[in-house]
Protein backbone atom coordinates (compact mmCIF):
# COMPACT_ATOMS: atom_id res chain seq x y z
CA MET A 1 83.67 107.33 16.72
CA ARG A 2 82.13 103.81 16.99
CA VAL A 3 84.32 101.04 16.04
CA ARG A 4 81.95 100.04 13.16
CA ASP A 5 82.17 103.61 11.59
CA LEU A 6 85.87 103.17 10.96
CA THR A 7 86.54 103.58 7.45
CA ARG A 8 89.53 102.46 5.19
CA GLU A 9 90.14 105.99 4.04
CA GLN A 10 90.52 107.29 7.73
CA VAL A 11 92.85 104.14 8.68
CA ALA A 12 94.93 104.83 5.41
CA GLN A 13 95.55 108.64 6.58
CA TRP A 14 96.36 107.53 10.00
CA HIS A 15 98.62 105.04 8.62
CA LEU A 16 100.41 107.77 6.79
CA ASP A 17 100.35 110.14 9.72
CA VAL A 18 101.88 107.57 12.10
CA ALA A 19 104.61 106.76 9.64
CA ALA A 20 105.45 110.26 9.46
CA ARG A 21 106.30 110.56 13.13
CA SER A 22 107.48 106.92 14.06
CA THR A 23 109.24 104.03 12.64
CA ALA A 24 106.82 101.80 14.78
CA ILE A 25 104.30 101.53 12.05
CA ARG A 26 104.46 97.79 11.73
CA MET A 27 103.40 97.36 15.17
CA ALA A 28 100.84 100.26 15.16
CA LEU A 29 99.00 98.92 12.16
CA SER A 30 99.25 95.15 13.28
CA THR A 31 97.51 96.23 16.86
CA LEU A 32 94.75 98.26 14.91
CA SER A 33 94.19 95.12 12.67
CA GLY A 34 94.02 92.83 15.46
CA LEU A 35 91.45 95.48 17.38
CA MET A 36 89.30 95.36 14.11
CA LEU A 37 89.27 91.44 13.96
CA TYR A 38 88.20 91.16 17.53
CA ALA A 39 85.55 93.86 16.81
CA GLU A 40 84.26 91.52 13.93
CA ASP A 41 84.45 88.28 16.14
CA HIS A 42 82.31 90.04 18.75
CA GLY A 43 79.79 91.76 16.29
CA LEU A 44 80.95 94.84 16.54
CA ARG A 45 81.80 95.26 12.75
CA GLU A 46 80.52 93.48 9.84
CA ALA A 47 82.40 90.44 9.23
CA GLY A 48 85.15 90.78 6.57
CA SER A 49 85.56 94.61 6.88
CA ASN A 50 88.71 94.96 8.58
CA PRO A 51 89.51 98.58 7.06
CA CYS A 52 93.73 97.67 7.80
CA ARG A 53 93.36 95.04 4.96
CA GLY A 54 95.70 95.52 2.12
CA LEU A 55 97.95 98.27 4.19
CA SER A 56 101.49 97.93 3.83
CA LYS A 57 103.33 97.34 7.19
CA LYS A 58 106.46 98.70 5.66
CA TRP A 59 106.67 102.43 5.56
CA ARG A 60 107.64 103.68 2.03
CA GLY A 61 108.14 107.26 2.97
CA GLN A 62 107.06 110.41 0.95
CA ARG A 63 107.46 110.33 -2.76
CA GLY A 64 107.11 112.89 -5.57
CA GLN A 65 109.23 115.13 -7.33
CA LEU A 66 107.50 117.74 -9.44
CA LEU A 67 110.37 118.55 -11.90
CA PRO A 68 110.73 122.67 -12.99
CA ALA A 69 108.83 123.29 -15.89
CA ALA A 70 112.37 124.40 -17.48
CA THR A 71 113.70 120.70 -17.09
CA ILE A 72 110.61 119.39 -19.09
CA GLN A 73 110.86 121.66 -21.51
CA ALA A 74 114.68 121.18 -22.23
CA LEU A 75 114.01 117.33 -22.06
CA TRP A 76 111.22 117.63 -24.47
CA ALA A 77 113.27 119.89 -27.06
CA ALA A 78 116.22 117.32 -26.61
CA LEU A 79 114.04 114.50 -27.58
CA ASP A 80 112.88 116.49 -30.79
CA ARG A 81 116.51 117.18 -31.76
CA MET A 82 117.61 113.42 -31.19
CA GLN A 83 114.37 111.93 -32.71
CA MET A 84 116.20 110.98 -35.94
CA ARG A 85 119.18 109.47 -34.26
CA ILE A 86 117.46 107.05 -31.60
CA PRO A 87 113.70 107.23 -32.34
CA ASP A 88 112.98 104.07 -29.98
CA ALA A 89 114.48 105.82 -27.02
CA CYS A 90 112.94 109.12 -27.77
CA ASP A 91 109.60 107.63 -28.08
CA ALA A 92 109.94 105.62 -25.15
CA VAL A 93 110.75 108.55 -22.94
CA ARG A 94 107.82 110.44 -24.36
CA LEU A 95 105.55 107.61 -23.52
CA LEU A 96 106.93 107.34 -19.79
CA LEU A 97 106.47 111.11 -19.17
CA LEU A 98 102.94 111.02 -20.63
CA THR A 99 101.71 108.03 -19.13
CA GLY A 100 103.56 107.57 -15.85
CA ALA A 101 104.10 104.10 -16.51
CA ARG A 102 107.23 101.82 -15.32
CA ARG A 103 110.12 101.72 -18.04
CA SER A 104 109.63 98.04 -17.97
CA GLU A 105 105.76 98.43 -18.83
CA ILE A 106 106.21 100.57 -21.73
CA LEU A 107 109.56 98.83 -23.24
CA SER A 108 107.69 95.30 -23.12
CA LEU A 109 104.60 96.57 -24.92
CA GLU A 110 103.02 94.52 -27.56
CA TRP A 111 100.64 95.95 -30.19
CA ASP A 112 98.11 93.17 -29.33
CA TRP A 113 97.82 94.74 -25.77
CA ILE A 114 96.75 98.03 -26.98
CA ILE A 115 92.83 98.69 -27.23
CA GLY A 116 92.04 102.17 -28.26
CA SER A 117 93.00 104.57 -25.37
CA ARG A 118 94.23 101.68 -23.22
CA ALA A 119 97.15 99.49 -22.95
CA VAL A 120 96.14 96.14 -21.13
CA LEU A 121 99.12 94.53 -19.50
CA LYS A 122 98.44 90.95 -18.21
CA ASP A 123 101.51 90.67 -16.23
CA SER A 124 103.19 93.89 -15.02
CA LYS A 125 105.17 94.18 -11.68
CA GLU A 126 102.05 94.12 -9.19
CA GLY A 127 99.93 91.84 -11.71
CA PRO A 128 97.37 92.71 -14.35
CA ARG A 129 96.95 96.68 -15.16
CA THR A 130 95.95 99.04 -17.72
CA ILE A 131 97.89 101.93 -18.86
CA TRP A 132 95.71 104.86 -19.68
CA LEU A 133 96.67 106.48 -23.10
CA ASN A 134 96.16 110.13 -23.65
CA THR A 135 95.83 111.64 -26.98
CA ALA A 136 99.71 112.60 -27.33
CA ALA A 137 100.50 108.99 -26.19
CA ARG A 138 98.20 107.34 -28.66
CA ALA A 139 99.44 109.60 -31.50
CA ILE A 140 103.16 108.34 -30.76
CA LEU A 141 102.08 105.05 -30.94
CA ASP A 142 99.89 105.33 -34.34
CA ALA A 143 103.09 106.76 -35.92
CA ARG A 144 105.28 103.72 -34.85
CA GLN A 145 102.74 101.21 -35.63
CA CYS A 146 102.59 102.47 -39.25
CA ASP A 147 106.29 101.34 -39.75
CA SER A 148 106.40 98.18 -37.49
CA SER A 149 106.40 94.67 -38.49
CA SER A 150 107.17 93.24 -35.03
CA PRO A 151 104.49 92.30 -32.42
CA PHE A 152 106.46 94.46 -30.06
CA VAL A 153 106.22 98.36 -30.11
CA PHE A 154 109.91 98.68 -29.08
CA PRO A 155 111.52 95.48 -30.79
CA ALA A 156 115.08 94.80 -30.06
CA PRO A 157 117.85 95.43 -32.60
CA ARG A 158 118.80 91.83 -32.43
CA GLY A 159 116.64 88.86 -31.73
CA ASN A 160 112.93 88.23 -31.26
CA GLY A 161 112.12 90.22 -28.17
CA PRO A 162 111.65 93.73 -27.03
CA VAL A 163 114.20 96.38 -26.00
CA LYS A 164 115.22 95.85 -22.27
CA VAL A 165 117.49 99.01 -21.47
CA ILE A 166 117.63 102.53 -22.66
CA ASP A 167 120.37 103.25 -20.09
CA PHE A 168 122.89 104.50 -22.75
CA ALA A 169 120.18 106.50 -24.90
CA TRP A 170 118.85 108.08 -21.72
CA ALA A 171 122.39 109.43 -20.78
CA ALA A 172 122.72 110.85 -24.25
CA ILE A 173 119.33 112.56 -23.98
CA ARG A 174 120.03 114.23 -20.44
CA ALA A 175 123.38 115.34 -21.98
CA GLU A 176 121.66 116.99 -25.12
CA ALA A 177 119.07 118.57 -22.50
CA GLY A 178 121.62 119.65 -20.16
CA ILE A 179 120.08 117.80 -17.48
CA GLY A 180 122.21 116.36 -14.70
CA ARG A 181 121.13 113.72 -12.37
CA LEU A 182 117.61 112.41 -13.37
CA ARG A 183 116.64 108.90 -13.43
CA VAL A 184 114.21 107.44 -15.91
CA HIS A 185 112.02 106.55 -12.68
CA ASP A 186 111.87 110.13 -11.89
CA LEU A 187 109.60 110.90 -14.91
CA ARG A 188 106.84 108.42 -13.27
CA HIS A 189 107.14 110.44 -9.90
CA HIS A 190 106.75 113.69 -11.98
CA PHE A 191 103.43 112.48 -13.58
CA ALA A 192 102.12 111.41 -10.27
CA SER A 193 103.15 114.67 -8.59
CA LEU A 194 101.58 116.68 -11.31
CA ALA A 195 98.41 114.91 -11.14
CA VAL A 196 98.11 115.16 -7.18
CA SER A 197 99.11 118.82 -7.13
CA ASN A 198 96.46 119.74 -9.58
CA GLY A 199 93.71 118.07 -7.38
CA ILE A 200 93.15 114.55 -8.93
CA ASP A 201 92.18 112.25 -6.21
CA LEU A 202 94.69 109.93 -4.91
CA HIS A 203 92.66 106.88 -5.68
CA ILE A 204 92.41 107.94 -9.31
CA VAL A 205 96.40 108.34 -9.56
CA GLY A 206 96.60 105.23 -7.88
CA GLN A 207 94.91 103.61 -10.78
CA LEU A 208 96.75 105.67 -13.12
CA LEU A 209 100.03 104.31 -11.79
CA GLY A 210 99.13 100.83 -11.58
CA HIS A 211 99.18 100.77 -7.62
CA HIS A 212 97.66 97.78 -5.90
CA GLU A 213 98.06 99.13 -2.35
CA VAL A 214 96.59 102.50 -1.16
CA ASP A 215 99.58 103.45 0.85
CA SER A 216 101.86 103.41 -2.27
CA THR A 217 99.77 106.25 -3.47
CA LEU A 218 99.60 107.91 -0.23
CA GLY A 219 103.29 108.79 -0.53
CA TYR A 220 102.15 111.61 -2.60
CA ALA A 221 99.45 112.71 -0.28
CA HIS A 222 101.91 115.66 1.08
CA LEU A 223 101.31 117.19 -2.21
CA ALA A 224 97.58 117.33 -2.36
CA THR A 225 98.00 119.08 1.20
CA ASP A 226 100.31 121.53 -0.21
CA ALA A 227 97.91 122.44 -3.12
CA LEU A 228 94.84 122.57 -0.68
CA MET A 229 97.00 124.86 1.29
CA LYS A 230 97.60 127.12 -1.38
CA SER A 231 94.26 126.97 -2.55
CA ALA A 232 92.94 128.08 1.21
CA THR A 233 95.40 130.72 1.17
CA ARG A 234 94.41 132.23 -1.85
CA VAL A 235 90.83 132.10 -0.62
CA SER A 236 91.90 133.65 2.64
CA ARG A 237 93.39 136.68 0.88
CA VAL A 238 90.29 137.20 -0.93
CA ILE A 239 88.32 137.35 2.18
CA ASP A 240 91.11 139.59 4.02
CA ARG A 241 90.97 142.02 1.04
CA SER A 242 86.97 142.21 1.35
CA LEU A 243 87.19 142.77 4.82
CA ARG A 244 89.75 145.45 4.42
CA THR A 245 87.61 147.60 1.88
CA PRO A 246 83.97 146.85 3.38
CA ARG A 247 81.37 148.07 0.55
CA ILE A 248 78.40 150.23 1.70
CA PRO A 249 75.05 149.00 0.00
CA SER A 250 73.89 151.84 -2.25
CA ASN A 251 70.44 152.46 -0.35
CA GLU A 252 72.68 152.81 2.96
CA ARG A 253 74.76 155.21 1.31
CA GLY A 254 71.69 157.43 0.27
CA ARG A 255 70.26 157.24 3.64
CA ARG A 256 73.49 158.44 5.08
CA LYS A 257 73.59 161.29 2.82
CA SER A 258 70.12 162.50 3.54
CA SER A 259 70.95 162.30 7.35
CA VAL A 260 73.77 164.48 6.78
CA SER A 261 72.08 167.12 4.61
CA GLY A 262 69.11 167.21 6.93
CA GLY A 263 71.43 168.13 9.72
CA CYS A 264 72.97 171.14 7.81
CA HIS A 265 69.74 172.56 7.27
CA GLY A 266 68.87 172.15 10.98
């Protein structure tokens, strides 16, 4: 491969592979980035095309926890049972599960930020970003807006700001669901893991999560590999079955039968 043909996607995948085998990712990425800058200076690559730009030198490790379906079902049922007691916390947890947003992003939502199927945040953890609202998430917000007189989706019971924490309510919800150790942030990991496991492109998942660095989402890449391997295995089984029971074309069977009949009369 020529130096000028090296792409950001190839470097990102290499970045993931090296980090999985070694802790020397900072040195490796710095070395490659230096080589790319040298290539730019000497006309071997287009100026400003360094494919290492934006990749973190700090390895974040594998991410992703696909929660069992039984856990999600138990959680959702518990939310239904506790809706009348702690409606704000139940709605917040539902939105976290449905959108993959961060807890702080959901709790600080303002009605003015919501435009149709989007919640446009001007200042999230990694700067401006959009939370995409599916039909179920939008329905929760519509129901809340009918009873709201506050600029905040989740107004604090005292004061003029939004709710800051739901730790106590989350513990009560987990207890009602019969779930042991489960962090609120695990709902975000489940959202991302579910998306990647179902074949959604890593870059799209990164946009859904509000990641600005590609390697933040690459932590879920092993789930994409697992999904591809399972698909490849299913295809190979179909091929294997077809090889074990080969079909003879009908015209070929006719010729074989005629040949056998002719031999008997002879």
